[in-house]
Amino acid sequence: MSNDEYDDAVVIACELVWGKGNLAPGGDGNLANLVEGIDVANRRVLDIGCGSGGPACTLASKYGARVVGSDLEAPLLRRSLDRTRERSVASSVSLLQVEPGPLAFRDDCFAAVLSSGGFTQTEAKLELFRECLRVLEPGGWLSAYDWMRCDGPYSEEMLHWFELEGLSYTLETPEGGAELLRQAGFVDVSVTDRSDWYRRQSAAEYEALKNEHYKSMVELLGQAKADDFVENWRALAEVCERREMLQIYSRGRKPV
């Protein structure tokens, strides 16, 4: 039995809202935040949790990176492969299905490790951060976008949203995430909170799903699943408005 969490319905809904190839919000703007100040042109970059391939393709086409995209789920990698062919970057993007645990790469082989939401669902974060440090070149950067939590117990609304999502979230606080990066050995650790942007954006996405996207959702998924996703986004917008769920960019550098 497959343990894949991102079935066709989830991918269709996410891409309808966030754009083709994107399983996290922000599109090219999100990727620009991740690579800001990091030279990736003609350098090897690891994209952890590459999903349906949008960021990996843009890394290759816009930034000139040589990308290795990794993911746990074979169906997502098939979508990524299709995306690399559609965007004519297959020669610059290689894809690898992985298992949880040590990264299957030699030491010091990537100029940067990027992830857009890939650590959000990772329980063993410290171990993965140590692996990211190992595979980075000296001076290389780990740069990640994650959904994180505020301090304190989860509210009923947050638990309701988790149930609707059906995904294995293991959320950290921004402070806790930064401390894990330091424990893993990273220096120049920084955390940037862009929750205010997504607080407004998630509310707009909810309105769009209820209105202009609703007919397409029903046609693609059926009314029951379409209604489930509308309620999912209502709950998402609510926990963002209450600042229980945060959108955090974090990065750290491997010591030289």
Protein backbone atom coordinates (compact mmCIF):
# COMPACT_ATOMS: atom_id res chain seq x y z
CA MET A 1 0.00 0.00 0.00
CA SER A 2 1.26 3.46 -0.88
CA ASN A 3 1.99 5.87 1.95
CA ASP A 4 1.92 8.84 -0.41
CA GLU A 5 0.18 11.85 1.14
CA TYR A 6 0.04 14.09 -1.91
CA ASP A 7 -2.64 12.38 -3.99
CA ASP A 8 -3.98 13.84 -7.24
CA ALA A 9 -6.67 15.83 -5.44
CA VAL A 10 -4.16 17.57 -3.15
CA VAL A 11 -1.83 18.39 -6.03
CA ILE A 12 -4.68 19.69 -8.20
CA ALA A 13 -5.98 21.92 -5.42
CA CYS A 14 -2.53 23.28 -4.53
CA GLU A 15 -1.57 23.98 -8.13
CA LEU A 16 -4.92 25.62 -8.84
CA VAL A 17 -4.23 28.11 -6.05
CA TRP A 18 -0.43 28.39 -6.10
CA GLY A 19 0.36 27.76 -9.76
CA LYS A 20 1.49 24.79 -11.82
CA GLY A 21 4.39 22.95 -10.22
CA ASN A 22 3.98 24.62 -6.82
CA LEU A 23 2.96 22.80 -3.64
CA ALA A 24 3.78 25.82 -1.47
CA PRO A 25 2.61 29.44 -1.78
CA GLY A 26 4.50 32.28 -3.36
CA GLY A 27 5.62 30.81 -6.68
CA ASP A 28 8.69 32.49 -8.16
CA GLY A 29 8.63 35.07 -5.36
CA ASN A 30 9.04 32.32 -2.78
CA LEU A 31 12.04 30.95 -4.66
CA ALA A 32 13.53 34.45 -4.97
CA ASN A 33 13.40 34.74 -1.18
CA LEU A 34 15.15 31.38 -0.83
CA VAL A 35 18.06 32.20 -3.15
CA GLU A 36 18.48 35.89 -2.31
CA GLY A 37 22.19 36.58 -1.87
CA ILE A 38 23.21 33.01 -2.76
CA ASP A 39 25.15 32.40 -5.98
CA VAL A 40 23.70 29.27 -7.61
CA ALA A 41 24.59 29.93 -11.26
CA ASN A 42 26.23 26.83 -12.77
CA ARG A 43 26.51 25.30 -9.31
CA ARG A 44 25.00 22.14 -7.83
CA VAL A 45 21.88 22.75 -5.74
CA LEU A 46 19.88 20.18 -3.80
CA ASP A 47 16.11 20.78 -3.64
CA ILE A 48 14.78 18.69 -0.73
CA GLY A 49 11.09 17.87 -1.13
CA CYS A 50 10.96 19.01 -4.75
CA GLY A 51 7.25 18.14 -5.03
CA SER A 52 5.79 18.63 -8.49
CA GLY A 53 8.88 20.39 -9.77
CA GLY A 54 8.13 24.08 -10.17
CA PRO A 55 10.97 25.48 -8.00
CA ALA A 56 13.56 23.04 -9.38
CA CYS A 57 12.68 24.04 -12.95
CA THR A 58 12.89 27.74 -12.13
CA LEU A 59 16.23 27.23 -10.37
CA ALA A 60 17.55 25.79 -13.62
CA SER A 61 15.84 28.09 -16.14
CA LYS A 62 16.05 31.45 -14.34
CA TYR A 63 19.06 31.06 -12.05
CA GLY A 64 21.21 28.69 -14.10
CA ALA A 65 21.63 26.11 -11.32
CA ARG A 66 22.37 22.42 -11.81
CA VAL A 67 19.63 20.94 -9.66
CA VAL A 68 19.11 17.62 -7.90
CA GLY A 69 15.49 17.34 -6.82
CA SER A 70 14.65 14.74 -4.17
CA ASP A 71 11.31 13.61 -2.80
CA LEU A 72 9.80 10.70 -0.89
CA GLU A 73 6.85 10.21 -3.24
CA ALA A 74 7.21 8.63 -6.68
CA PRO A 75 4.01 10.20 -8.13
CA LEU A 76 5.34 13.67 -7.33
CA LEU A 77 8.65 12.86 -9.00
CA ARG A 78 6.79 11.72 -12.14
CA ARG A 79 5.06 15.09 -12.19
CA SER A 80 8.43 16.80 -11.70
CA LEU A 81 9.89 14.86 -14.61
CA ASP A 82 7.00 15.94 -16.83
CA ARG A 83 7.57 19.53 -15.73
CA THR A 84 11.28 19.45 -16.61
CA ARG A 85 10.41 18.24 -20.10
CA GLU A 86 7.67 20.84 -20.56
CA ARG A 87 10.07 23.60 -19.56
CA SER A 88 13.06 22.18 -21.47
CA VAL A 89 15.34 21.92 -18.43
CA ALA A 90 15.61 18.13 -18.18
CA SER A 91 19.34 18.30 -18.88
CA SER A 92 19.84 20.59 -15.85
CA VAL A 93 17.54 18.85 -13.36
CA SER A 94 18.00 15.32 -12.07
CA LEU A 95 15.41 13.68 -9.83
CA LEU A 96 15.82 11.12 -7.08
CA GLN A 97 13.33 9.23 -4.94
CA VAL A 98 14.65 8.95 -1.39
CA GLU A 99 13.77 7.38 1.93
CA PRO A 100 13.83 9.16 5.29
CA GLY A 101 17.30 9.07 6.79
CA PRO A 102 20.83 9.92 5.65
CA LEU A 103 21.14 11.78 2.34
CA ALA A 104 22.49 9.66 -0.48
CA PHE A 105 25.25 12.09 -1.47
CA ARG A 106 28.94 12.44 -0.75
CA ASP A 107 30.34 15.11 1.55
CA ASP A 108 30.81 18.70 0.37
CA CYS A 109 29.06 18.30 -2.98
CA PHE A 110 26.40 21.05 -3.10
CA ALA A 111 26.77 24.82 -3.13
CA ALA A 112 23.31 25.21 -1.62
CA VAL A 113 20.54 23.11 -0.14
CA LEU A 114 17.05 24.55 -0.56
CA SER A 115 13.67 23.38 0.65
CA SER A 116 10.21 24.84 0.27
CA GLY A 117 8.05 23.08 2.83
CA GLY A 118 10.14 19.93 2.86
CA PHE A 119 11.14 20.27 6.52
CA THR A 120 7.59 21.07 7.67
CA GLN A 121 6.72 17.38 7.57
CA THR A 122 10.08 16.10 8.83
CA GLU A 123 10.12 14.76 12.38
CA ALA A 124 13.88 14.16 12.69
CA LYS A 125 14.83 17.74 11.83
CA LEU A 126 18.14 17.87 13.68
CA GLU A 127 19.39 14.72 11.97
CA LEU A 128 18.35 16.07 8.56
CA PHE A 129 20.00 19.43 9.21
CA ARG A 130 23.23 17.63 10.11
CA GLU A 131 23.01 15.73 6.83
CA CYS A 132 22.45 19.00 4.96
CA LEU A 133 25.57 20.40 6.60
CA ARG A 134 27.54 17.32 5.58
CA VAL A 135 26.65 17.52 1.88
CA LEU A 136 27.22 21.28 1.62
CA GLU A 137 30.50 22.72 0.45
CA PRO A 138 32.32 24.82 3.07
CA GLY A 139 30.63 28.21 3.01
CA GLY A 140 27.50 26.77 1.38
CA TRP A 141 24.02 27.76 2.46
CA LEU A 142 20.95 25.91 3.67
CA SER A 143 17.88 28.04 2.92
CA ALA A 144 14.36 26.89 3.72
CA TYR A 145 10.77 28.04 3.75
CA ASP A 146 8.63 26.30 6.37
CA TRP A 147 5.25 26.51 8.01
CA MET A 148 5.93 26.83 11.72
CA ARG A 149 3.91 27.21 14.90
CA CYS A 150 3.61 29.76 17.64
CA ASP A 151 4.58 28.77 21.17
CA GLY A 152 1.94 27.11 23.34
CA PRO A 153 -0.66 24.34 22.89
CA TYR A 154 -2.62 23.89 19.68
CA SER A 155 -6.10 25.40 19.59
CA GLU A 156 -9.17 23.45 18.50
CA GLU A 157 -9.11 25.35 15.19
CA MET A 158 -5.49 24.34 14.58
CA LEU A 159 -6.31 20.70 15.30
CA HIS A 160 -9.32 20.97 12.98
CA TRP A 161 -7.05 22.30 10.23
CA PHE A 162 -4.58 19.42 10.76
CA GLU A 163 -7.45 16.94 10.39
CA LEU A 164 -8.62 18.60 7.19
CA GLU A 165 -5.10 18.67 5.75
CA GLY A 166 -4.45 14.98 6.40
CA LEU A 167 -0.70 15.60 6.20
CA SER A 168 1.99 14.65 8.71
CA TYR A 169 2.96 18.08 9.95
CA THR A 170 5.70 18.29 12.58
CA LEU A 171 5.81 22.02 13.26
CA GLU A 172 8.62 23.79 15.08
CA THR A 173 8.67 27.31 16.49
CA PRO A 174 10.94 29.84 14.70
CA GLU A 175 13.19 30.03 17.74
CA GLY A 176 13.32 26.24 18.02
CA GLY A 177 14.10 25.86 14.33
CA ALA A 178 16.98 28.35 14.55
CA GLU A 179 18.39 26.55 17.58
CA LEU A 180 18.29 23.22 15.72
CA LEU A 181 20.29 24.74 12.88
CA ARG A 182 22.91 25.95 15.36
CA GLN A 183 23.01 22.55 17.05
CA ALA A 184 23.57 20.96 13.64
CA GLY A 185 26.66 23.13 13.19
CA PHE A 186 25.43 26.01 11.02
CA VAL A 187 26.65 29.56 11.54
CA ASP A 188 25.16 32.91 10.49
CA VAL A 189 21.72 31.48 11.26
CA SER A 190 18.84 33.83 10.52
CA VAL A 191 15.06 33.62 10.70
CA THR A 192 12.69 35.87 8.75
CA ASP A 193 8.97 35.91 9.57
CA ARG A 194 6.78 36.64 6.52
CA SER A 195 3.55 35.56 8.17
CA ASP A 196 1.85 38.91 7.63
CA TRP A 197 2.09 38.46 3.87
CA TYR A 198 0.55 35.00 3.94
CA ARG A 199 -2.07 36.03 6.47
CA ARG A 200 -3.45 38.37 3.80
CA GLN A 201 -2.74 35.96 0.96
CA SER A 202 -4.46 32.95 2.57
CA ALA A 203 -7.62 34.99 3.10
CA ALA A 204 -7.55 35.97 -0.60
CA GLU A 205 -6.96 32.33 -1.59
CA TYR A 206 -9.97 31.26 0.47
CA GLU A 207 -12.18 33.80 -1.27
CA ALA A 208 -10.87 32.67 -4.67
CA LEU A 209 -11.59 29.01 -3.90
CA LYS A 210 -15.13 29.87 -2.82
CA ASN A 211 -15.78 31.91 -5.94
CA GLU A 212 -13.78 31.93 -9.18
CA HIS A 213 -12.01 28.58 -8.61
CA TYR A 214 -15.00 26.69 -7.23
CA LYS A 215 -16.48 25.56 -10.54
CA SER A 216 -13.11 24.26 -11.73
CA MET A 217 -12.62 22.43 -8.43
CA VAL A 218 -15.99 20.71 -8.75
CA GLU A 219 -15.27 19.72 -12.36
CA LEU A 220 -11.83 18.32 -11.48
CA LEU A 221 -12.55 16.72 -8.11
CA GLY A 222 -16.30 16.47 -7.57
CA GLN A 223 -18.37 18.60 -5.25
CA ALA A 224 -17.60 16.72 -2.01
CA LYS A 225 -13.82 17.10 -2.36
CA ALA A 226 -14.17 20.66 -3.62
CA ASP A 227 -16.17 21.54 -0.50
CA ASP A 228 -13.55 19.83 1.67
CA PHE A 229 -10.80 22.00 0.19
CA VAL A 230 -12.84 25.17 0.62
CA GLU A 231 -13.28 24.35 4.31
CA ASN A 232 -9.59 23.45 4.52
CA TRP A 233 -8.63 26.90 3.25
CA ARG A 234 -11.11 28.59 5.58
CA ALA A 235 -9.42 26.90 8.53
CA LEU A 236 -5.97 27.69 7.10
CA ALA A 237 -6.85 31.38 6.77
CA GLU A 238 -8.20 31.36 10.33
CA VAL A 239 -5.06 29.90 11.95
CA CYS A 240 -2.92 32.31 9.91
CA GLU A 241 -5.05 35.25 11.04
CA ARG A 242 -4.60 34.16 14.65
CA ARG A 243 -0.82 33.75 14.09
CA GLU A 244 -0.95 30.16 15.25
CA MET A 245 0.59 29.02 11.97
CA LEU A 246 3.59 31.00 10.72
CA GLN A 247 5.46 31.32 7.43
CA ILE A 248 9.19 31.38 8.17
CA TYR A 249 12.31 31.64 6.02
CA SER A 250 15.40 30.33 7.77
CA ARG A 251 18.95 29.82 6.65
CA GLY A 252 22.39 28.94 7.90
CA ARG A 253 25.88 28.68 6.43
CA LYS A 254 28.37 25.82 6.68
CA PRO A 255 31.55 27.07 8.34
CA VAL A 256 34.53 27.54 6.05
